[in-house]
Amino acid sequence: MTSAVKQKMARGEVATVINLAGNNPDLLDTLARWGADVAFVDCERTAIGLDAASDLIRAARAARLPAVVRSWSRAPEVLVQYFDRKADGIVVPHIDSAEEAASVVQVVRYACGEAGARDKLVVVQIETPAAVAAVDEIAAVPGIDVVLLGPNDLSYEMTGIRGNMTAEVERTMEHLAARLRAAGRAFGMPARLEQVARFRAMGATFLYYPVEWLVERAMQELLRETARPLA
């Protein structure tokens, strides 16, 4: 189910990827109905374990929505488990070198076969100064479909404060975007609604958006409406 997503990004269009923020299978039909492109099953930053991930992958398939899993580890024995449960792709955090990126591709080929691997979405995350220094080499690794930039973790590595988007961190993000554009590599990052225009101007086509941000925006709109005085 990933071919439509890859084709969309190849045309320069944005693929909308929603982090489910937990074991929320009932969300998948709604997300698919309203135009999400990918369900992001987060086994790194939420309490989702292998059993819950398996249920979410099955629910996503029923909704005709590709499911990619962010693993808590890049160990081959962990990544293979997600593909054994029919994940449509994998997101591997904290990739610092071309060798680490290539090892992810190798695991996908082992788990899915050469032909099956082409149907998977392989995403690696850049979120450290070491990865910034190696961005050209990482971008050149065959079999990587998307590079996901992690501004929060990168800001922590650079400043000691997570989310501290200093001018230097912003320049680093711009540098990464420029290098990935030059390499012709699809890339993305988290972006709130007010940041989407800048995100697109940078050339990003993989919009990572946590579902709690959708709820936050909807709650703000709801509270504004309920606070309006009656006519």
C-alpha atoms as a PDB file:
ATOM      1  CA  MET A   1       0.000   0.000   0.000  1.00  0.00           C
ATOM      2  CA  THR A   2       3.017   2.310   0.020  1.00  0.00           C
ATOM      3  CA  SER A   3       3.275   2.874  -3.731  1.00  0.00           C
ATOM      4  CA  ALA A   4       0.701   5.694  -3.698  1.00  0.00           C
ATOM      5  CA  VAL A   5       2.619   7.401  -0.877  1.00  0.00           C
ATOM      6  CA  LYS A   6       5.930   7.135  -2.725  1.00  0.00           C
ATOM      7  CA  GLN A   7       4.376   8.401  -5.938  1.00  0.00           C
ATOM      8  CA  LYS A   8       2.822  11.342  -4.128  1.00  0.00           C
ATOM      9  CA  MET A   9       6.171  12.403  -2.686  1.00  0.00           C
ATOM     10  CA  ALA A  10       7.885  11.871  -6.049  1.00  0.00           C
ATOM     11  CA  ARG A  11       5.453  14.422  -7.527  1.00  0.00           C
ATOM     12  CA  GLY A  12       6.483  16.903  -4.839  1.00  0.00           C
ATOM     13  CA  GLU A  13       3.197  16.542  -2.963  1.00  0.00           C
ATOM     14  CA  VAL A  14       2.997  16.175   0.811  1.00  0.00           C
ATOM     15  CA  ALA A  15       2.241  12.795   2.360  1.00  0.00           C
ATOM     16  CA  THR A  16       0.396  13.335   5.653  1.00  0.00           C
ATOM     17  CA  VAL A  17       1.585  10.953   8.343  1.00  0.00           C
ATOM     18  CA  ILE A  18      -0.345  10.830  11.630  1.00  0.00           C
ATOM     19  CA  ASN A  19       1.229   9.507  14.824  1.00  0.00           C
ATOM     20  CA  LEU A  20      -1.549   7.624  16.637  1.00  0.00           C
ATOM     21  CA  ALA A  21      -0.107   8.553  20.061  1.00  0.00           C
ATOM     22  CA  GLY A  22      -0.938   5.161  21.529  1.00  0.00           C
ATOM     23  CA  ASN A  23      -3.081   2.105  20.989  1.00  0.00           C
ATOM     24  CA  ASN A  24      -5.967   3.838  19.200  1.00  0.00           C
ATOM     25  CA  PRO A  25      -7.271   1.484  16.486  1.00  0.00           C
ATOM     26  CA  ASP A  26     -10.662   3.218  16.304  1.00  0.00           C
ATOM     27  CA  LEU A  27      -8.945   6.309  14.887  1.00  0.00           C
ATOM     28  CA  LEU A  28      -7.783   4.578  11.742  1.00  0.00           C
ATOM     29  CA  ASP A  29     -11.033   4.566   9.786  1.00  0.00           C
ATOM     30  CA  THR A  30     -11.534   8.261  10.538  1.00  0.00           C
ATOM     31  CA  LEU A  31      -7.978   9.168   9.538  1.00  0.00           C
ATOM     32  CA  ALA A  32      -8.304   7.232   6.286  1.00  0.00           C
ATOM     33  CA  ARG A  33     -11.684   8.806   5.541  1.00  0.00           C
ATOM     34  CA  TRP A  34     -10.339  12.339   5.979  1.00  0.00           C
ATOM     35  CA  GLY A  35      -7.256  11.918   3.843  1.00  0.00           C
ATOM     36  CA  ALA A  36      -4.345  10.754   5.966  1.00  0.00           C
ATOM     37  CA  ASP A  37      -1.739   8.945   3.891  1.00  0.00           C
ATOM     38  CA  VAL A  38       0.078   6.928   6.559  1.00  0.00           C
ATOM     39  CA  ALA A  39      -0.604   5.697  10.098  1.00  0.00           C
ATOM     40  CA  PHE A  40       2.478   6.104  12.294  1.00  0.00           C
ATOM     41  CA  VAL A  41       2.648   3.398  14.979  1.00  0.00           C
ATOM     42  CA  ASP A  42       5.066   4.736  17.574  1.00  0.00           C
ATOM     43  CA  CYS A  43       6.837   2.047  19.571  1.00  0.00           C
ATOM     44  CA  GLU A  44       9.623   4.423  20.588  1.00  0.00           C
ATOM     45  CA  ARG A  45       7.850   7.293  22.364  1.00  0.00           C
ATOM     46  CA  THR A  46       4.585   5.653  23.485  1.00  0.00           C
ATOM     47  CA  ALA A  47       3.637   2.553  25.461  1.00  0.00           C
ATOM     48  CA  ILE A  48       2.792   0.547  22.318  1.00  0.00           C
ATOM     49  CA  GLY A  49       4.369  -2.906  22.485  1.00  0.00           C
ATOM     50  CA  LEU A  50       4.537  -5.650  19.897  1.00  0.00           C
ATOM     51  CA  ASP A  51       1.048  -7.030  20.587  1.00  0.00           C
ATOM     52  CA  ALA A  52      -0.612  -3.611  20.318  1.00  0.00           C
ATOM     53  CA  ALA A  53       1.463  -2.775  17.235  1.00  0.00           C
ATOM     54  CA  SER A  54       0.212  -5.973  15.602  1.00  0.00           C
ATOM     55  CA  ASP A  55      -3.406  -4.989  16.283  1.00  0.00           C
ATOM     56  CA  LEU A  56      -2.842  -1.483  14.912  1.00  0.00           C
ATOM     57  CA  ILE A  57      -1.204  -2.822  11.751  1.00  0.00           C
ATOM     58  CA  ARG A  58      -4.214  -5.099  11.147  1.00  0.00           C
ATOM     59  CA  ALA A  59      -6.655  -2.245  11.820  1.00  0.00           C
ATOM     60  CA  ALA A  60      -4.753   0.029   9.442  1.00  0.00           C
ATOM     61  CA  ARG A  61      -4.886  -2.605   6.720  1.00  0.00           C
ATOM     62  CA  ALA A  62      -8.640  -2.936   7.204  1.00  0.00           C
ATOM     63  CA  ALA A  63      -8.898   0.850   6.765  1.00  0.00           C
ATOM     64  CA  ARG A  64      -6.674   0.704   3.632  1.00  0.00           C
ATOM     65  CA  LEU A  65      -4.141   2.931   5.349  1.00  0.00           C
ATOM     66  CA  PRO A  66      -0.429   2.034   5.244  1.00  0.00           C
ATOM     67  CA  ALA A  67       1.061   1.502   8.698  1.00  0.00           C
ATOM     68  CA  VAL A  68       4.687   2.306   9.440  1.00  0.00           C
ATOM     69  CA  VAL A  69       6.197   1.421  12.796  1.00  0.00           C
ATOM     70  CA  ARG A  70       8.781   3.515  14.608  1.00  0.00           C
ATOM     71  CA  SER A  71      10.916   0.982  16.392  1.00  0.00           C
ATOM     72  CA  TRP A  72      12.394   1.481  19.840  1.00  0.00           C
ATOM     73  CA  SER A  73      15.574  -0.241  18.574  1.00  0.00           C
ATOM     74  CA  ARG A  74      17.448  -0.716  15.317  1.00  0.00           C
ATOM     75  CA  ALA A  75      18.469  -4.258  16.289  1.00  0.00           C
ATOM     76  CA  PRO A  76      17.651  -6.615  13.395  1.00  0.00           C
ATOM     77  CA  GLU A  77      15.741  -9.042  15.610  1.00  0.00           C
ATOM     78  CA  VAL A  78      13.422  -6.202  16.675  1.00  0.00           C
ATOM     79  CA  LEU A  79      12.854  -4.756  13.191  1.00  0.00           C
ATOM     80  CA  VAL A  80      12.089  -8.176  11.711  1.00  0.00           C
ATOM     81  CA  GLN A  81       9.255  -8.690  14.201  1.00  0.00           C
ATOM     82  CA  TYR A  82       7.338  -5.731  12.786  1.00  0.00           C
ATOM     83  CA  PHE A  83       7.655  -6.974   9.231  1.00  0.00           C
ATOM     84  CA  ASP A  84       6.583 -10.447  10.329  1.00  0.00           C
ATOM     85  CA  ARG A  85       3.386  -8.727  11.448  1.00  0.00           C
ATOM     86  CA  LYS A  86       2.914  -7.126   7.996  1.00  0.00           C
ATOM     87  CA  ALA A  87       4.026  -3.577   8.737  1.00  0.00           C
ATOM     88  CA  ASP A  88       4.095  -1.482   5.569  1.00  0.00           C
ATOM     89  CA  GLY A  89       7.235   0.288   6.632  1.00  0.00           C
ATOM     90  CA  ILE A  90       9.701   1.034   9.366  1.00  0.00           C
ATOM     91  CA  VAL A  91      10.999   4.221  10.984  1.00  0.00           C
ATOM     92  CA  VAL A  92      14.375   3.825  12.655  1.00  0.00           C
ATOM     93  CA  PRO A  93      15.498   6.604  15.019  1.00  0.00           C
ATOM     94  CA  HIS A  94      19.008   7.827  15.801  1.00  0.00           C
ATOM     95  CA  ILE A  95      20.738   6.894  12.543  1.00  0.00           C
ATOM     96  CA  ASP A  96      24.153   8.529  12.639  1.00  0.00           C
ATOM     97  CA  SER A  97      25.980   7.079   9.639  1.00  0.00           C
ATOM     98  CA  ALA A  98      25.584   5.603   6.179  1.00  0.00           C
ATOM     99  CA  GLU A  99      26.618   2.235   7.597  1.00  0.00           C
ATOM    100  CA  GLU A 100      23.740   2.300  10.085  1.00  0.00           C
ATOM    101  CA  ALA A 101      21.307   3.353   7.347  1.00  0.00           C
ATOM    102  CA  ALA A 102      22.532   0.575   5.061  1.00  0.00           C
ATOM    103  CA  SER A 103      22.074  -1.969   7.849  1.00  0.00           C
ATOM    104  CA  VAL A 104      18.397  -0.984   8.087  1.00  0.00           C
ATOM    105  CA  VAL A 105      17.945  -1.583   4.353  1.00  0.00           C
ATOM    106  CA  GLN A 106      19.678  -4.937   4.683  1.00  0.00           C
ATOM    107  CA  VAL A 107      17.293  -6.006   7.463  1.00  0.00           C
ATOM    108  CA  VAL A 108      14.268  -4.997   5.378  1.00  0.00           C
ATOM    109  CA  ARG A 109      15.547  -7.064   2.443  1.00  0.00           C
ATOM    110  CA  TYR A 110      16.182 -10.013   4.740  1.00  0.00           C
ATOM    111  CA  ALA A 111      12.725  -9.779   6.322  1.00  0.00           C
ATOM    112  CA  CYS A 112      10.733  -9.118   3.143  1.00  0.00           C
ATOM    113  CA  GLY A 113      12.837 -10.391   0.271  1.00  0.00           C
ATOM    114  CA  GLU A 114      14.243  -8.213  -2.491  1.00  0.00           C
ATOM    115  CA  ALA A 115      10.893  -7.716  -4.245  1.00  0.00           C
ATOM    116  CA  GLY A 116       8.934  -7.289  -1.010  1.00  0.00           C
ATOM    117  CA  ALA A 117      11.388  -4.689   0.266  1.00  0.00           C
ATOM    118  CA  ARG A 118      10.539  -2.412  -2.671  1.00  0.00           C
ATOM    119  CA  ASP A 119       6.955  -2.266  -1.410  1.00  0.00           C
ATOM    120  CA  LYS A 120       7.993  -1.115   2.064  1.00  0.00           C
ATOM    121  CA  LEU A 121       8.536   2.457   3.226  1.00  0.00           C
ATOM    122  CA  VAL A 122      11.982   2.716   4.793  1.00  0.00           C
ATOM    123  CA  VAL A 123      12.473   5.832   6.922  1.00  0.00           C
ATOM    124  CA  VAL A 124      15.568   6.791   8.907  1.00  0.00           C
ATOM    125  CA  GLN A 125      15.780   9.627  11.416  1.00  0.00           C
ATOM    126  CA  ILE A 126      18.514  12.256  11.596  1.00  0.00           C
ATOM    127  CA  GLU A 127      18.613  13.866  15.030  1.00  0.00           C
ATOM    128  CA  THR A 128      22.240  14.248  16.142  1.00  0.00           C
ATOM    129  CA  PRO A 129      25.270  16.336  15.104  1.00  0.00           C
ATOM    130  CA  ALA A 130      26.967  13.128  13.944  1.00  0.00           C
ATOM    131  CA  ALA A 131      24.079  12.482  11.574  1.00  0.00           C
ATOM    132  CA  VAL A 132      24.202  16.084  10.353  1.00  0.00           C
ATOM    133  CA  ALA A 133      27.867  15.623   9.467  1.00  0.00           C
ATOM    134  CA  ALA A 134      27.017  12.409   7.578  1.00  0.00           C
ATOM    135  CA  VAL A 135      23.848  13.638   5.843  1.00  0.00           C
ATOM    136  CA  ASP A 136      25.231  13.342   2.300  1.00  0.00           C
ATOM    137  CA  GLU A 137      26.385   9.775   2.875  1.00  0.00           C
ATOM    138  CA  ILE A 138      23.100   8.782   4.552  1.00  0.00           C
ATOM    139  CA  ALA A 139      21.072  10.337   1.722  1.00  0.00           C
ATOM    140  CA  ALA A 140      23.050   8.315  -0.834  1.00  0.00           C
ATOM    141  CA  VAL A 141      22.191   4.917   0.677  1.00  0.00           C
ATOM    142  CA  PRO A 142      20.091   2.906  -1.816  1.00  0.00           C
ATOM    143  CA  GLY A 143      16.792   1.638  -0.437  1.00  0.00           C
ATOM    144  CA  ILE A 144      16.136   4.561   1.910  1.00  0.00           C
ATOM    145  CA  ASP A 145      12.814   6.166   0.969  1.00  0.00           C
ATOM    146  CA  VAL A 146      12.564   9.043   3.459  1.00  0.00           C
ATOM    147  CA  VAL A 147      14.817  10.879   5.894  1.00  0.00           C
ATOM    148  CA  LEU A 148      12.857  12.156   8.895  1.00  0.00           C
ATOM    149  CA  LEU A 149      14.445  15.124  10.638  1.00  0.00           C
ATOM    150  CA  GLY A 150      14.115  15.320  14.406  1.00  0.00           C
ATOM    151  CA  PRO A 151      14.347  18.989  15.427  1.00  0.00           C
ATOM    152  CA  ASN A 152      13.506  18.380  19.082  1.00  0.00           C
ATOM    153  CA  ASP A 153      16.196  15.777  19.673  1.00  0.00           C
ATOM    154  CA  LEU A 154      18.650  17.700  17.512  1.00  0.00           C
ATOM    155  CA  SER A 155      18.036  20.850  19.562  1.00  0.00           C
ATOM    156  CA  TYR A 156      18.699  18.852  22.734  1.00  0.00           C
ATOM    157  CA  GLU A 157      21.953  17.509  21.326  1.00  0.00           C
ATOM    158  CA  MET A 158      23.056  20.985  20.242  1.00  0.00           C
ATOM    159  CA  THR A 159      21.839  23.119  23.165  1.00  0.00           C
ATOM    160  CA  GLY A 160      21.034  20.773  26.034  1.00  0.00           C
ATOM    161  CA  ILE A 161      17.359  21.814  25.962  1.00  0.00           C
ATOM    162  CA  ARG A 162      14.799  19.846  23.995  1.00  0.00           C
ATOM    163  CA  GLY A 163      12.819  22.072  21.651  1.00  0.00           C
ATOM    164  CA  ASN A 164      15.231  25.009  22.010  1.00  0.00           C
ATOM    165  CA  MET A 165      15.142  26.137  18.386  1.00  0.00           C
ATOM    166  CA  THR A 166      18.033  28.575  18.419  1.00  0.00           C
ATOM    167  CA  ALA A 167      19.240  30.310  15.281  1.00  0.00           C
ATOM    168  CA  GLU A 168      22.010  27.698  15.007  1.00  0.00           C
ATOM    169  CA  VAL A 169      19.519  24.832  15.192  1.00  0.00           C
ATOM    170  CA  GLU A 170      17.323  26.527  12.576  1.00  0.00           C
ATOM    171  CA  ARG A 171      20.336  26.959  10.290  1.00  0.00           C
ATOM    172  CA  THR A 172      21.171  23.298  10.748  1.00  0.00           C
ATOM    173  CA  MET A 173      17.648  22.299   9.759  1.00  0.00           C
ATOM    174  CA  GLU A 174      17.898  24.479   6.652  1.00  0.00           C
ATOM    175  CA  HIS A 175      21.260  22.899   5.843  1.00  0.00           C
ATOM    176  CA  LEU A 176      19.831  19.398   6.157  1.00  0.00           C
ATOM    177  CA  ALA A 177      16.878  20.294   3.957  1.00  0.00           C
ATOM    178  CA  ALA A 178      19.177  21.756   1.300  1.00  0.00           C
ATOM    179  CA  ARG A 179      21.451  18.715   1.255  1.00  0.00           C
ATOM    180  CA  LEU A 180      18.515  16.287   1.049  1.00  0.00           C
ATOM    181  CA  ARG A 181      16.913  18.328  -1.745  1.00  0.00           C
ATOM    182  CA  ALA A 182      20.213  18.279  -3.636  1.00  0.00           C
ATOM    183  CA  ALA A 183      20.347  14.500  -3.241  1.00  0.00           C
ATOM    184  CA  GLY A 184      16.779  14.114  -4.491  1.00  0.00           C
ATOM    185  CA  ARG A 185      15.870  12.367  -1.252  1.00  0.00           C
ATOM    186  CA  ALA A 186      12.354  12.702   0.167  1.00  0.00           C
ATOM    187  CA  PHE A 187      12.424  14.090   3.688  1.00  0.00           C
ATOM    188  CA  GLY A 188      10.143  15.407   6.381  1.00  0.00           C
ATOM    189  CA  MET A 189       9.792  16.649   9.911  1.00  0.00           C
ATOM    190  CA  PRO A 190       7.106  17.425  12.476  1.00  0.00           C
ATOM    191  CA  ALA A 191       5.301  20.669  11.642  1.00  0.00           C
ATOM    192  CA  ARG A 192       2.382  22.381  13.311  1.00  0.00           C
ATOM    193  CA  LEU A 193      -0.250  23.911  11.039  1.00  0.00           C
ATOM    194  CA  GLU A 194       1.340  27.339  11.234  1.00  0.00           C
ATOM    195  CA  GLN A 195       4.669  25.798  10.166  1.00  0.00           C
ATOM    196  CA  VAL A 196       3.402  23.839   7.164  1.00  0.00           C
ATOM    197  CA  ALA A 197       4.033  26.619   4.626  1.00  0.00           C
ATOM    198  CA  ARG A 198       7.680  26.854   5.723  1.00  0.00           C
ATOM    199  CA  PHE A 199       7.926  23.067   5.796  1.00  0.00           C
ATOM    200  CA  ARG A 200       6.782  22.925   2.161  1.00  0.00           C
ATOM    201  CA  ALA A 201       9.027  25.817   1.127  1.00  0.00           C
ATOM    202  CA  MET A 202      11.999  23.836   2.461  1.00  0.00           C
ATOM    203  CA  GLY A 203      11.063  21.011   0.093  1.00  0.00           C
ATOM    204  CA  ALA A 204       9.761  18.556   2.682  1.00  0.00           C
ATOM    205  CA  THR A 205       7.132  16.071   1.482  1.00  0.00           C
ATOM    206  CA  PHE A 206       6.704  13.814   4.540  1.00  0.00           C
ATOM    207  CA  LEU A 207       4.561  15.659   7.101  1.00  0.00           C
ATOM    208  CA  TYR A 208       4.756  13.980  10.500  1.00  0.00           C
ATOM    209  CA  TYR A 209       1.857  15.156  12.674  1.00  0.00           C
ATOM    210  CA  PRO A 210       0.945  13.734  16.106  1.00  0.00           C
ATOM    211  CA  VAL A 211      -2.771  13.157  16.636  1.00  0.00           C
ATOM    212  CA  GLU A 212      -2.635  15.104  19.898  1.00  0.00           C
ATOM    213  CA  TRP A 213      -1.847  18.214  17.839  1.00  0.00           C
ATOM    214  CA  LEU A 214      -5.072  17.629  15.910  1.00  0.00           C
ATOM    215  CA  VAL A 215      -6.965  17.347  19.194  1.00  0.00           C
ATOM    216  CA  GLU A 216      -5.245  20.464  20.555  1.00  0.00           C
ATOM    217  CA  ARG A 217      -6.258  22.489  17.495  1.00  0.00           C
ATOM    218  CA  ALA A 218      -9.826  21.179  17.578  1.00  0.00           C
ATOM    219  CA  MET A 219     -10.132  21.884  21.315  1.00  0.00           C
ATOM    220  CA  GLN A 220      -8.931  25.448  20.831  1.00  0.00           C
ATOM    221  CA  GLU A 221     -11.543  25.993  18.128  1.00  0.00           C
ATOM    222  CA  LEU A 222     -14.260  24.377  20.251  1.00  0.00           C
ATOM    223  CA  LEU A 223     -13.445  26.488  23.309  1.00  0.00           C
ATOM    224  CA  ARG A 224     -13.403  29.660  21.214  1.00  0.00           C
ATOM    225  CA  GLU A 225     -16.861  28.828  19.881  1.00  0.00           C
ATOM    226  CA  THR A 226     -18.322  27.957  23.284  1.00  0.00           C
ATOM    227  CA  ALA A 227     -16.923  31.181  24.755  1.00  0.00           C
ATOM    228  CA  ARG A 228     -18.705  33.363  22.204  1.00  0.00           C
ATOM    229  CA  PRO A 229     -21.585  35.351  23.736  1.00  0.00           C
ATOM    230  CA  LEU A 230     -25.045  34.349  22.575  1.00  0.00           C
ATOM    231  CA  ALA A 231     -26.606  36.701  20.024  1.00  0.00           C
END
